[in-house]
């Protein structure tokens, strides 16, 4: 633009020099050129929220225009007649001044008001997806036309500071608790106009295997059919292999269909990559009842696979294991279907189930210790002159009619602290039950039976309690109250001492049914 001013000046100088020798035909005619008239301006505003405005000045008798934008820009733009200029404005109101000039330097000023208004962002879309493996974490992104940036509020804190982000970015947020929250995304235009979209999201614990019915936040969405009624209830028999507080209950009402049962949808398909067996702890009022386990595709129940097992215990917990070897994982089995007393109409009987989990099928040495599983090897380590083996019950009477029990021999002259220990394959879970009961048989009463629990990796982490026998040559049950025990210490070794404090005499002692209890 400065070059253009230079050319105008050069043009005037040329006229002056060429006419300097002739006063009659000098530059006096320029004095007759009048100031520019009919000045106006055409404003063309871009609709992309860029703030770009094209200004085309118009007028008569104009050799050049100077355009002052009115937004604080220091230097004006100079424009030749018939040309235009472009300028970027922020959103707002401006007074644009146009100075029209003639070749002899006469000017006319003209002002015109300009309003730059940004349109609100359009086609605003939000995405909110959960993080795989963390149902409490949500990932939010957004897109829109005519936006400059976004803000998001996640709806779990009334005082939260919104997080700003750009299109193409993802913002992650972790909720502290389950619940329904309203996510709000606001798109900004670069000016006052905004657009907003909201979405309600529900944060929940995913229901996956294993299912143990202990969570207060999980949705155990039973679907009853055929006349069966199901619910989550308190464990009616906290004993044996199941010391859980809460279990599933199925009542097969009188006249219920032979195929009556319950469905339980999971939030992800079962992964059979490494384990193809599913075990269920079950409680039945009678043995010989068929318990069918069926797995279905969530969207197509015709894609299914089922197996049968039969109860062997009456009014007690047992574990039924279903072998789905060769299952086609591509079928995405995601719904569990359980049928009790399959093939018979309902009589009003009630059944219980718990701890539905995948397994290799291999039994483990854990509490309760009953010594009845012939597939397990109960390895005891003796010390101080004592040794322990698993033997036939020498007195299958009274409170203990088990066929197999543990036998500890405190050899003649063994240490006063002689005993034996066995390592469990899982730490003892004291989260709900804090006492341990043990059935013992002693040839004499009044002897101390010490029970000690140790951390598997560090024996210095331990706790112990004493109980005293009150019966000779008969079974009795001793109770050890570990209330206040630190469950985080992961006690995984059980140590038993008979006749603690006295040297060995060669006597034999027996113990059985070491189990958690309240």
Protein backbone atom coordinates (compact mmCIF):
# COMPACT_ATOMS: atom_id res chain seq x y z
CA UNK A 1 0.00 0.00 0.00
CA UNK A 2 2.92 2.39 0.65
CA UNK A 3 4.14 1.72 -2.92
CA UNK A 4 0.73 2.79 -4.15
CA UNK A 5 1.07 6.11 -2.29
CA UNK A 6 4.53 6.55 -3.82
CA UNK A 7 3.15 6.08 -7.33
CA UNK A 8 0.47 8.74 -6.75
CA UNK A 9 3.13 11.16 -5.56
CA UNK A 10 5.35 10.32 -8.53
CA UNK A 11 2.42 10.93 -10.87
CA UNK A 12 1.83 14.41 -9.40
CA UNK A 13 5.54 15.25 -9.58
CA UNK A 14 5.65 14.23 -13.23
CA UNK A 15 2.73 16.49 -14.08
CA UNK A 16 4.40 19.39 -12.24
CA UNK A 17 7.75 18.98 -14.04
CA UNK A 18 6.25 18.58 -17.49
CA UNK A 19 4.27 21.78 -17.12
CA UNK A 20 6.80 23.92 -15.22
CA UNK A 21 7.84 25.89 -18.31
CA UNK A 22 4.36 26.94 -19.34
CA UNK A 23 2.43 28.98 -16.78
CA UNK A 24 -0.63 29.07 -19.01
CA UNK A 25 -0.78 25.25 -19.15
CA UNK A 26 0.60 24.50 -15.62
CA UNK A 27 -0.91 22.38 -12.85
CA UNK A 28 -3.55 24.87 -12.05
CA UNK A 29 -6.17 22.54 -13.50
CA UNK A 30 -5.62 20.23 -10.49
CA UNK A 31 -7.01 22.92 -8.28
CA UNK A 32 -10.29 22.42 -10.03
CA UNK A 33 -10.48 18.72 -8.92
CA UNK A 34 -13.14 18.52 -6.23
CA UNK A 35 -13.11 16.28 -3.17
CA UNK A 36 -14.44 12.73 -3.56
CA UNK A 37 -18.18 12.26 -3.33
CA UNK A 38 -20.73 9.43 -2.80
CA UNK A 39 -18.39 7.43 -0.56
CA UNK A 40 -19.70 4.07 0.69
CA UNK A 41 -18.42 0.64 1.60
CA UNK A 42 -19.54 -2.94 1.09
CA UNK A 43 -18.84 -5.31 4.01
CA UNK A 44 -18.78 -9.05 3.30
CA UNK A 45 -18.56 -11.09 6.51
CA UNK A 46 -17.35 -14.71 6.45
CA UNK A 47 -19.79 -17.19 8.01
CA UNK A 48 -17.15 -19.59 9.33
CA UNK A 49 -16.57 -17.78 12.66
CA UNK A 50 -13.11 -16.77 11.47
CA UNK A 51 -13.92 -13.04 11.86
CA UNK A 52 -12.70 -12.36 8.31
CA UNK A 53 -14.40 -9.31 6.74
CA UNK A 54 -13.89 -8.16 3.16
CA UNK A 55 -14.20 -4.37 2.73
CA UNK A 56 -14.76 -2.86 -0.74
CA UNK A 57 -14.90 0.98 -0.72
CA UNK A 58 -16.79 2.88 -3.42
CA UNK A 59 -16.92 6.55 -4.44
CA UNK A 60 -16.56 9.11 -7.20
CA UNK A 61 -13.45 11.12 -8.01
CA UNK A 62 -11.27 8.86 -5.87
CA UNK A 63 -7.65 8.02 -6.58
CA UNK A 64 -7.12 5.98 -3.37
CA UNK A 65 -8.80 4.96 -0.12
CA UNK A 66 -7.38 4.66 3.39
CA UNK A 67 -9.37 2.25 5.57
CA UNK A 68 -9.21 2.49 9.38
CA UNK A 69 -10.67 -0.67 10.92
CA UNK A 70 -11.65 0.74 14.29
CA UNK A 71 -10.34 -2.25 16.26
CA UNK A 72 -7.10 -0.72 17.45
CA UNK A 73 -5.04 -1.65 14.40
CA UNK A 74 -2.34 1.03 14.20
CA UNK A 75 -1.90 1.41 10.43
CA UNK A 76 -4.72 1.74 7.89
CA UNK A 77 -4.85 -0.20 4.67
CA UNK A 78 -4.64 1.75 1.39
CA UNK A 79 -6.85 0.45 -1.40
CA UNK A 80 -7.04 1.45 -5.06
CA UNK A 81 -10.44 2.14 -6.64
CA UNK A 82 -12.22 -1.08 -7.59
CA UNK A 83 -10.15 -3.15 -5.14
CA UNK A 84 -10.90 -4.48 -1.67
CA UNK A 85 -9.07 -5.48 1.50
CA UNK A 86 -9.59 -8.19 4.12
CA UNK A 87 -9.23 -7.95 7.87
CA UNK A 88 -9.74 -10.34 10.82
CA UNK A 89 -12.02 -8.98 13.54
CA UNK A 90 -12.94 -10.35 16.90
CA UNK A 91 -16.64 -10.59 17.59
CA UNK A 92 -17.97 -7.10 18.37
CA UNK A 93 -19.18 -3.72 17.11
CA UNK A 94 -16.81 -1.43 15.15
CA UNK A 95 -16.83 1.97 13.44
CA UNK A 96 -14.90 1.66 10.19
CA UNK A 97 -13.56 4.96 8.79
CA UNK A 98 -12.81 5.40 5.09
CA UNK A 99 -10.73 8.36 3.87
CA UNK A 100 -11.18 8.86 0.14
CA UNK A 101 -8.40 10.88 -1.59
CA UNK A 102 -8.10 12.66 -4.93
CA UNK A 103 -4.93 13.12 -6.98
CA UNK A 104 -4.54 16.63 -5.63
CA UNK A 105 -4.78 15.48 -2.01
CA UNK A 106 -8.33 16.47 -1.28
CA UNK A 107 -10.08 14.02 1.04
CA UNK A 108 -13.51 13.01 2.13
CA UNK A 109 -14.09 11.00 5.32
CA UNK A 110 -16.84 8.44 5.67
CA UNK A 111 -17.72 6.14 8.55
CA UNK A 112 -19.81 2.99 8.53
CA UNK A 113 -20.83 0.72 11.42
CA UNK A 114 -19.78 -2.93 11.36
CA UNK A 115 -21.19 -5.74 13.54
CA UNK A 116 -19.22 -9.01 13.63
CA UNK A 117 -21.27 -11.79 15.20
CA UNK A 118 -20.20 -15.43 15.38
CA UNK A 119 -22.81 -18.10 14.81
CA UNK A 120 -23.30 -20.80 17.46
CA UNK A 121 -21.48 -24.10 16.79
CA UNK A 122 -23.61 -26.53 14.82
CA UNK A 123 -23.96 -30.33 14.70
CA UNK A 124 -22.49 -30.73 18.20
CA UNK A 125 -21.93 -34.39 19.01
CA UNK A 126 -20.50 -35.98 22.16
CA UNK A 127 -19.02 -39.46 22.67
CA UNK A 128 -18.76 -41.04 26.13
CA UNK A 129 -17.26 -44.51 26.44
CA UNK A 130 -16.13 -46.58 29.42
CA UNK A 131 -12.54 -47.72 29.79
CA UNK A 132 -12.11 -51.45 29.27
CA UNK A 133 -11.20 -52.97 32.64
CA UNK A 134 -12.26 -49.87 34.61
CA UNK A 135 -15.99 -49.29 34.66
CA UNK A 136 -15.55 -46.16 36.77
CA UNK A 137 -13.49 -44.32 34.12
CA UNK A 138 -15.24 -42.53 31.26
CA UNK A 139 -13.64 -41.07 28.13
CA UNK A 140 -15.31 -38.04 26.50
CA UNK A 141 -14.75 -36.46 23.11
CA UNK A 142 -16.75 -34.04 20.94
CA UNK A 143 -17.07 -32.62 17.43
CA UNK A 144 -18.96 -29.64 15.97
CA UNK A 145 -18.96 -27.17 13.11
CA UNK A 146 -17.91 -23.54 13.71
CA UNK A 147 -16.39 -24.28 17.13
CA UNK A 148 -13.11 -23.10 18.55
CA UNK A 149 -12.94 -25.32 21.65
CA UNK A 150 -15.06 -27.36 24.10
CA UNK A 151 -15.64 -27.57 27.84
CA UNK A 152 -16.88 -30.66 29.68
CA UNK A 153 -18.46 -31.11 33.09
CA UNK A 154 -18.84 -34.68 34.37
CA UNK A 155 -21.67 -34.03 36.81
CA UNK A 156 -20.30 -35.61 40.00
CA UNK A 157 -19.15 -32.43 41.75
CA UNK A 158 -21.30 -29.30 42.10
CA UNK A 159 -18.11 -27.23 42.38
CA UNK A 160 -16.19 -28.86 39.57
CA UNK A 161 -14.08 -26.73 37.25
CA UNK A 162 -14.90 -27.53 33.61
CA UNK A 163 -12.12 -29.07 31.53
CA UNK A 164 -11.31 -27.45 28.19
CA UNK A 165 -10.32 -29.51 25.17
CA UNK A 166 -10.13 -29.36 21.40
CA UNK A 167 -11.75 -31.45 18.73
CA UNK A 168 -9.84 -34.71 18.33
CA UNK A 169 -8.84 -34.83 22.01
CA UNK A 170 -10.23 -37.28 24.57
CA UNK A 171 -10.73 -36.32 28.22
CA UNK A 172 -10.78 -39.13 30.81
CA UNK A 173 -12.54 -38.90 34.16
CA UNK A 174 -12.81 -41.43 37.00
CA UNK A 175 -15.93 -41.43 39.14
CA UNK A 176 -15.66 -42.21 42.83
CA UNK A 177 -18.88 -44.19 43.11
CA UNK A 178 -21.55 -45.91 41.07
CA UNK A 179 -24.56 -43.84 40.06
CA UNK A 180 -26.15 -41.88 37.22
CA UNK A 181 -24.41 -38.66 36.21
CA UNK A 182 -25.14 -35.96 33.63
CA UNK A 183 -22.21 -35.08 31.38
CA UNK A 184 -22.41 -31.61 29.81
CA UNK A 185 -20.30 -30.56 26.82
CA UNK A 186 -20.33 -26.90 25.73
CA UNK A 187 -18.97 -25.82 22.33
CA UNK A 188 -17.64 -22.26 22.06
CA UNK A 189 -17.68 -20.26 18.85
CA UNK A 190 -14.94 -17.78 19.65
CA UNK A 191 -17.62 -15.27 20.56
CA UNK A 192 -20.67 -15.17 22.76
CA UNK A 193 -22.66 -17.86 20.93
CA UNK A 194 -22.36 -21.40 22.34
CA UNK A 195 -24.01 -24.76 21.85
CA UNK A 196 -24.53 -27.40 24.53
CA UNK A 197 -25.32 -31.09 24.70
CA UNK A 198 -25.92 -33.35 27.72
CA UNK A 199 -25.88 -37.09 28.19
CA UNK A 200 -26.83 -39.19 31.22
CA UNK A 201 -24.40 -42.00 31.96
CA UNK A 202 -24.77 -44.77 34.51
CA UNK A 203 -21.60 -45.95 36.24
CA UNK A 204 -21.94 -49.47 37.62
CA UNK A 205 -19.84 -52.43 38.66
CA UNK A 206 -19.78 -54.91 35.78
CA UNK A 207 -21.24 -58.30 36.65
CA UNK A 208 -18.60 -60.83 35.64
CA UNK A 209 -17.45 -64.25 36.76
CA UNK A 210 -16.88 -65.07 39.55
CA UNK A 211 -20.33 -64.22 40.95
CA UNK A 212 -20.49 -64.39 44.76
CA UNK A 213 -23.50 -62.11 45.57
CA UNK A 214 -21.49 -60.13 48.14
CA UNK A 215 -21.36 -56.75 46.36
CA UNK A 216 -23.86 -54.11 47.57
CA UNK A 217 -23.58 -52.22 44.26
CA UNK A 218 -23.82 -54.97 41.64
CA UNK A 219 -27.11 -55.52 39.86
CA UNK A 220 -27.92 -59.22 40.12
CA UNK A 221 -30.66 -59.03 37.49
CA UNK A 222 -32.34 -62.43 37.85
CA UNK A 223 -34.82 -63.42 35.18
CA UNK A 224 -37.22 -66.07 36.49
CA UNK A 225 -39.23 -68.36 34.21
CA UNK A 226 -41.50 -71.39 34.36
CA UNK A 227 -42.71 -70.75 37.92
CA UNK A 228 -39.35 -70.32 39.66
CA UNK A 229 -38.64 -67.33 41.91
CA UNK A 230 -35.10 -66.13 42.69
CA UNK A 231 -33.47 -63.57 44.97
CA UNK A 232 -30.23 -62.74 46.78
CA UNK A 233 -30.58 -63.67 50.46
CA UNK A 234 -28.56 -64.38 53.59
CA UNK A 235 -26.73 -67.70 53.59
CA UNK A 236 -29.03 -70.15 55.44
CA UNK A 237 -26.13 -72.44 56.34
CA UNK A 238 -22.78 -70.72 56.94
CA UNK A 239 -20.77 -73.89 57.22
CA UNK A 240 -18.57 -76.34 55.41
CA UNK A 241 -17.29 -75.14 52.07
CA UNK A 242 -19.43 -71.99 52.04
CA UNK A 243 -19.02 -69.35 54.73
CA UNK A 244 -20.27 -66.51 52.50
CA UNK A 245 -22.78 -64.08 53.97
CA UNK A 246 -24.98 -63.76 50.86
CA UNK A 247 -26.09 -66.34 48.30
CA UNK A 248 -28.60 -66.83 45.52
CA UNK A 249 -31.90 -68.57 46.28
CA UNK A 250 -34.28 -70.32 43.86
CA UNK A 251 -37.71 -71.56 44.93
CA UNK A 252 -39.42 -73.93 42.53
CA UNK A 253 -43.05 -73.19 43.36
CA UNK A 254 -45.68 -75.96 43.49
CA UNK A 255 -46.69 -76.85 39.95
CA UNK A 256 -43.74 -75.03 38.38
CA UNK A 257 -42.66 -76.29 34.97
CA UNK A 258 -40.15 -79.13 34.76
CA UNK A 259 -37.87 -76.61 33.04
CA UNK A 260 -38.37 -73.75 35.52
CA UNK A 261 -35.24 -71.80 36.36
CA UNK A 262 -33.45 -68.48 36.46
CA UNK A 263 -31.28 -66.44 34.08
CA UNK A 264 -28.43 -64.15 35.03
CA UNK A 265 -26.91 -61.94 32.29
CA UNK A 266 -23.26 -60.96 32.56
CA UNK A 267 -21.80 -57.68 31.34
CA UNK A 268 -19.14 -59.40 29.21
CA UNK A 269 -18.96 -62.76 27.45
CA UNK A 270 -17.24 -65.55 29.38
CA UNK A 271 -13.58 -65.91 28.41
CA UNK A 272 -12.83 -69.60 27.94
CA UNK A 273 -9.24 -69.01 26.80
CA UNK A 274 -7.54 -70.65 29.79
CA UNK A 275 -10.35 -72.26 31.83
CA UNK A 276 -13.23 -74.23 30.36
CA UNK A 277 -14.91 -75.45 33.55
CA UNK A 278 -17.48 -73.60 35.65
CA UNK A 279 -18.15 -74.53 39.28
CA UNK A 280 -21.17 -73.65 41.40
CA UNK A 281 -21.54 -74.14 45.14
CA UNK A 282 -25.03 -75.49 45.60
CA UNK A 283 -27.33 -76.36 48.51
CA UNK A 284 -30.18 -78.80 47.95
CA UNK A 285 -32.80 -80.27 50.32
CA UNK A 286 -32.15 -83.70 48.84
CA UNK A 287 -29.52 -85.61 46.84
CA UNK A 288 -30.17 -86.87 43.33
CA UNK A 289 -31.48 -83.55 41.97
CA UNK A 290 -30.35 -82.58 38.46
CA UNK A 291 -28.87 -79.09 38.31
CA UNK A 292 -28.58 -77.95 34.70
CA UNK A 293 -26.26 -75.08 33.74
CA UNK A 294 -26.93 -73.51 30.35
CA UNK A 295 -24.88 -70.79 28.66
CA UNK A 296 -26.53 -68.55 26.07
CA UNK A 297 -25.59 -65.80 23.66
CA UNK A 298 -27.08 -62.58 25.01
CA UNK A 299 -28.77 -61.50 21.76
CA UNK A 300 -29.65 -64.95 20.40
CA UNK A 301 -30.77 -67.59 22.90
CA UNK A 302 -30.67 -70.22 20.15
CA UNK A 303 -26.88 -70.05 20.44
CA UNK A 304 -26.36 -72.06 23.62
CA UNK A 305 -24.63 -74.95 25.33
CA UNK A 306 -25.70 -76.87 28.46
CA UNK A 307 -24.43 -79.46 30.95
CA UNK A 308 -26.04 -81.44 33.78
CA UNK A 309 -24.77 -82.32 37.26
CA UNK A 310 -26.51 -84.15 40.11
CA UNK A 311 -26.56 -83.23 43.79
CA UNK A 312 -25.09 -85.75 46.23
CA UNK A 313 -25.69 -83.97 49.55
CA UNK A 314 -28.89 -83.14 51.43
CA UNK A 315 -29.14 -79.87 53.39
CA UNK A 316 -25.48 -79.04 52.93
CA UNK A 317 -23.20 -77.19 50.55
CA UNK A 318 -21.31 -79.00 47.79
CA UNK A 319 -19.48 -77.92 44.63
CA UNK A 320 -20.77 -78.95 41.21
CA UNK A 321 -18.33 -78.58 38.32
CA UNK A 322 -19.45 -78.30 34.69
CA UNK A 323 -16.92 -79.16 31.99
CA UNK A 324 -17.36 -77.06 28.81
CA UNK A 325 -14.22 -78.39 27.09
CA UNK A 326 -14.33 -77.67 23.36
CA UNK A 327 -16.69 -74.71 23.79
CA UNK A 328 -16.73 -72.24 20.89
CA UNK A 329 -15.70 -68.91 22.45
CA UNK A 330 -16.74 -67.07 19.27
CA UNK A 331 -20.37 -67.69 20.27
CA UNK A 332 -19.99 -65.07 23.02
CA UNK A 333 -21.80 -66.85 25.83
CA UNK A 334 -22.93 -64.11 28.20
CA UNK A 335 -26.09 -65.38 29.93
CA UNK A 336 -26.13 -68.01 32.69
CA UNK A 337 -29.27 -70.15 32.98
CA UNK A 338 -29.66 -72.40 36.04
CA UNK A 339 -32.34 -75.10 36.38
CA UNK A 340 -32.88 -76.94 39.69
CA UNK A 341 -34.49 -80.39 39.86
CA UNK A 342 -34.65 -80.33 36.08
CA UNK A 343 -37.26 -82.71 34.63
CA UNK A 344 -39.60 -82.55 37.62
CA UNK A 345 -42.47 -80.19 38.36
CA UNK A 346 -42.04 -77.81 41.26
CA UNK A 347 -43.02 -78.88 44.76
CA UNK A 348 -42.14 -75.67 46.61
CA UNK A 349 -38.56 -76.78 47.34
CA UNK A 350 -35.90 -74.13 47.86
CA UNK A 351 -32.36 -74.38 46.52
CA UNK A 352 -29.35 -72.11 47.06
CA UNK A 353 -26.35 -71.34 44.86
CA UNK A 354 -23.17 -69.30 45.22
CA UNK A 355 -19.63 -68.71 43.97
CA UNK A 356 -20.23 -69.26 40.26
CA UNK A 357 -16.70 -69.22 38.87
CA UNK A 358 -14.40 -70.52 36.20
CA UNK A 359 -11.98 -73.18 37.32
CA UNK A 360 -9.47 -75.72 36.09
CA UNK A 361 -11.41 -78.29 38.09
CA UNK A 362 -8.48 -79.03 40.36
CA UNK A 363 -9.38 -79.10 44.05
CA UNK A 364 -7.32 -76.95 46.41
CA UNK A 365 -6.20 -77.30 49.99
CA UNK A 366 -8.12 -74.48 51.68
CA UNK A 367 -10.40 -74.08 54.67
CA UNK A 368 -12.42 -76.01 55.58
CA UNK A 369 -9.95 -78.87 56.03
CA UNK A 370 -11.96 -82.11 56.12
CA UNK A 371 -9.36 -84.57 54.72
CA UNK A 372 -12.10 -86.30 52.68
CA UNK A 373 -10.85 -85.52 49.17
CA UNK A 374 -8.84 -88.53 48.01
CA UNK A 375 -7.53 -86.52 45.04
CA UNK A 376 -5.69 -84.14 47.35
CA UNK A 377 -2.37 -84.72 49.07
CA UNK A 378 -2.47 -83.26 52.57
CA UNK A 379 1.19 -82.59 53.27
CA UNK A 380 2.06 -81.86 56.91
CA UNK A 381 5.49 -80.78 58.09
CA UNK A 382 6.33 -81.92 61.62
CA UNK A 383 8.83 -80.23 63.94
CA UNK A 384 10.22 -80.72 67.45
CA UNK A 385 9.70 -84.49 67.35
CA UNK A 386 6.07 -84.60 66.19
CA UNK A 387 4.69 -85.89 62.90
CA UNK A 388 1.23 -85.81 61.28
CA UNK A 389 -0.48 -88.07 58.73
CA UNK A 390 -4.00 -88.52 57.37
CA UNK A 391 -5.58 -91.72 58.68
CA UNK A 392 -8.93 -93.45 59.04
CA UNK A 393 -11.06 -92.07 61.85
CA UNK A 394 -10.35 -94.27 64.89
CA UNK A 395 -13.62 -93.23 66.54
CA UNK A 396 -16.31 -92.39 63.98
CA UNK A 397 -18.86 -91.50 66.63
CA UNK A 398 -20.53 -88.52 68.26
CA UNK A 399 -19.88 -85.19 66.53
CA UNK A 400 -17.45 -86.66 64.01
CA UNK A 401 -18.44 -89.52 61.78
CA UNK A 402 -15.98 -88.60 59.01
CA UNK A 403 -14.04 -91.46 57.49
CA UNK A 404 -10.69 -89.65 57.34
CA UNK A 405 -8.97 -87.41 59.89
CA UNK A 406 -5.48 -86.09 60.69
CA UNK A 407 -3.34 -87.93 63.26
CA UNK A 408 -0.55 -86.17 65.19
CA UNK A 409 1.92 -88.32 67.15
CA UNK A 410 3.99 -86.50 69.78
CA UNK A 411 6.87 -88.95 70.02
CA UNK A 412 8.45 -89.88 73.34
CA UNK A 413 10.81 -87.10 74.45
CA UNK A 414 9.74 -84.62 71.76
CA UNK A 415 9.95 -80.90 72.51
CA UNK A 416 7.29 -79.15 74.59
CA UNK A 417 6.57 -77.08 71.47
CA UNK A 418 6.45 -80.03 69.04
CA UNK A 419 3.75 -79.82 66.38
CA UNK A 420 2.94 -79.87 62.65
CA UNK A 421 1.84 -77.41 59.99
CA UNK A 422 0.11 -77.50 56.62
CA UNK A 423 0.24 -74.81 53.92
CA UNK A 424 -3.01 -73.69 52.34
CA UNK A 425 -3.25 -72.73 48.68
CA UNK A 426 -5.11 -69.50 49.50
CA UNK A 427 -4.90 -67.17 52.51
CA UNK A 428 -7.67 -67.55 55.07
CA UNK A 429 -10.42 -64.99 54.45
CA UNK A 430 -11.39 -63.36 57.75
CA UNK A 431 -13.48 -60.60 56.10
CA UNK A 432 -16.78 -61.88 57.50
CA UNK A 433 -15.97 -64.80 59.84
CA UNK A 434 -13.43 -64.45 62.66
CA UNK A 435 -13.49 -67.75 64.57
CA UNK A 436 -11.95 -71.09 63.70
CA UNK A 437 -13.40 -74.33 64.97
CA UNK A 438 -11.55 -77.63 65.09
CA UNK A 439 -12.75 -81.08 66.13
CA UNK A 440 -10.15 -82.87 68.27
CA UNK A 441 -9.71 -86.28 69.91
CA UNK A 442 -7.30 -86.63 72.82
CA UNK A 443 -6.49 -89.58 75.10
CA UNK A 444 -6.77 -87.23 78.05
CA UNK A 445 -8.57 -84.05 79.04
CA UNK A 446 -6.98 -80.83 80.30
CA UNK A 447 -4.23 -80.58 77.67
CA UNK A 448 -3.50 -77.38 75.76
CA UNK A 449 -4.17 -77.43 72.01
CA UNK A 450 -2.53 -74.41 70.44
CA UNK A 451 -3.60 -73.16 67.00
CA UNK A 452 -1.17 -70.82 65.26
CA UNK A 453 -1.61 -68.99 61.94
CA UNK A 454 1.39 -67.77 59.95
CA UNK A 455 2.07 -65.80 56.81
CA UNK A 456 3.25 -68.23 54.16
CA UNK A 457 6.28 -66.16 53.12
CA UNK A 458 7.21 -64.74 56.54
CA UNK A 459 6.63 -66.91 59.63
CA UNK A 460 7.36 -63.89 61.83
CA UNK A 461 3.92 -62.61 60.81
CA UNK A 462 1.75 -64.84 62.99
CA UNK A 463 -0.97 -65.07 65.60
CA UNK A 464 -1.90 -67.89 67.97
CA UNK A 465 -4.56 -68.93 70.49
CA UNK A 466 -4.89 -71.75 73.04
CA UNK A 467 -7.82 -74.00 73.90
CA UNK A 468 -7.99 -76.83 76.45
CA UNK A 469 -9.54 -80.26 76.00
CA UNK A 470 -12.36 -81.24 78.32
CA UNK A 471 -12.92 -84.79 77.05
CA UNK A 472 -10.75 -87.90 76.96
CA UNK A 473 -10.97 -90.60 74.27
CA UNK A 474 -13.78 -88.80 72.45
CA UNK A 475 -14.41 -86.07 69.89
CA UNK A 476 -15.07 -82.48 70.96
CA UNK A 477 -15.01 -79.15 69.15
CA UNK A 478 -12.61 -76.38 70.18
CA UNK A 479 -13.23 -72.76 69.18
CA UNK A 480 -10.51 -70.13 68.57
CA UNK A 481 -11.73 -66.54 68.47
CA UNK A 482 -9.52 -64.39 66.19
CA UNK A 483 -11.74 -61.30 66.40
CA UNK A 484 -9.71 -58.22 65.44
CA UNK A 485 -7.29 -60.21 63.30
CA UNK A 486 -5.57 -58.29 60.49
CA UNK A 487 -6.83 -59.95 57.33
CA UNK A 488 -4.15 -58.15 55.28
CA UNK A 489 -1.48 -60.34 56.92
CA UNK A 490 -2.56 -63.16 54.57
CA UNK A 491 -2.37 -66.06 57.01
CA UNK A 492 -1.84 -69.13 54.85
CA UNK A 493 -0.16 -71.66 57.15
CA UNK A 494 -2.02 -73.58 59.88
CA UNK A 495 0.13 -74.86 62.78
CA UNK A 496 -1.27 -77.31 65.36
CA UNK A 497 0.32 -78.16 68.76
CA UNK A 498 -1.07 -80.85 71.10
CA UNK A 499 -0.04 -81.01 74.78
CA UNK A 500 1.73 -77.69 74.40
CA UNK A 501 4.16 -77.04 77.24
CA UNK A 502 4.75 -80.72 78.03
CA UNK A 503 7.32 -83.07 76.53
CA UNK A 504 6.14 -85.87 74.27
CA UNK A 505 5.12 -89.23 75.68
CA UNK A 506 4.36 -91.04 72.40
CA UNK A 507 0.63 -90.26 72.60
CA UNK A 508 -1.52 -89.94 69.46
CA UNK A 509 -3.98 -87.09 68.91
CA UNK A 510 -6.52 -86.58 66.14
CA UNK A 511 -8.07 -83.48 64.57
CA UNK A 512 -10.56 -82.75 61.77
CA UNK A 513 -12.96 -80.19 60.22
CA UNK A 514 -10.87 -77.04 60.67
CA UNK A 515 -13.26 -74.36 59.47
CA UNK A 516 -14.21 -70.70 59.73
CA UNK A 517 -17.23 -69.88 61.85
CA UNK A 518 -18.95 -67.19 63.87
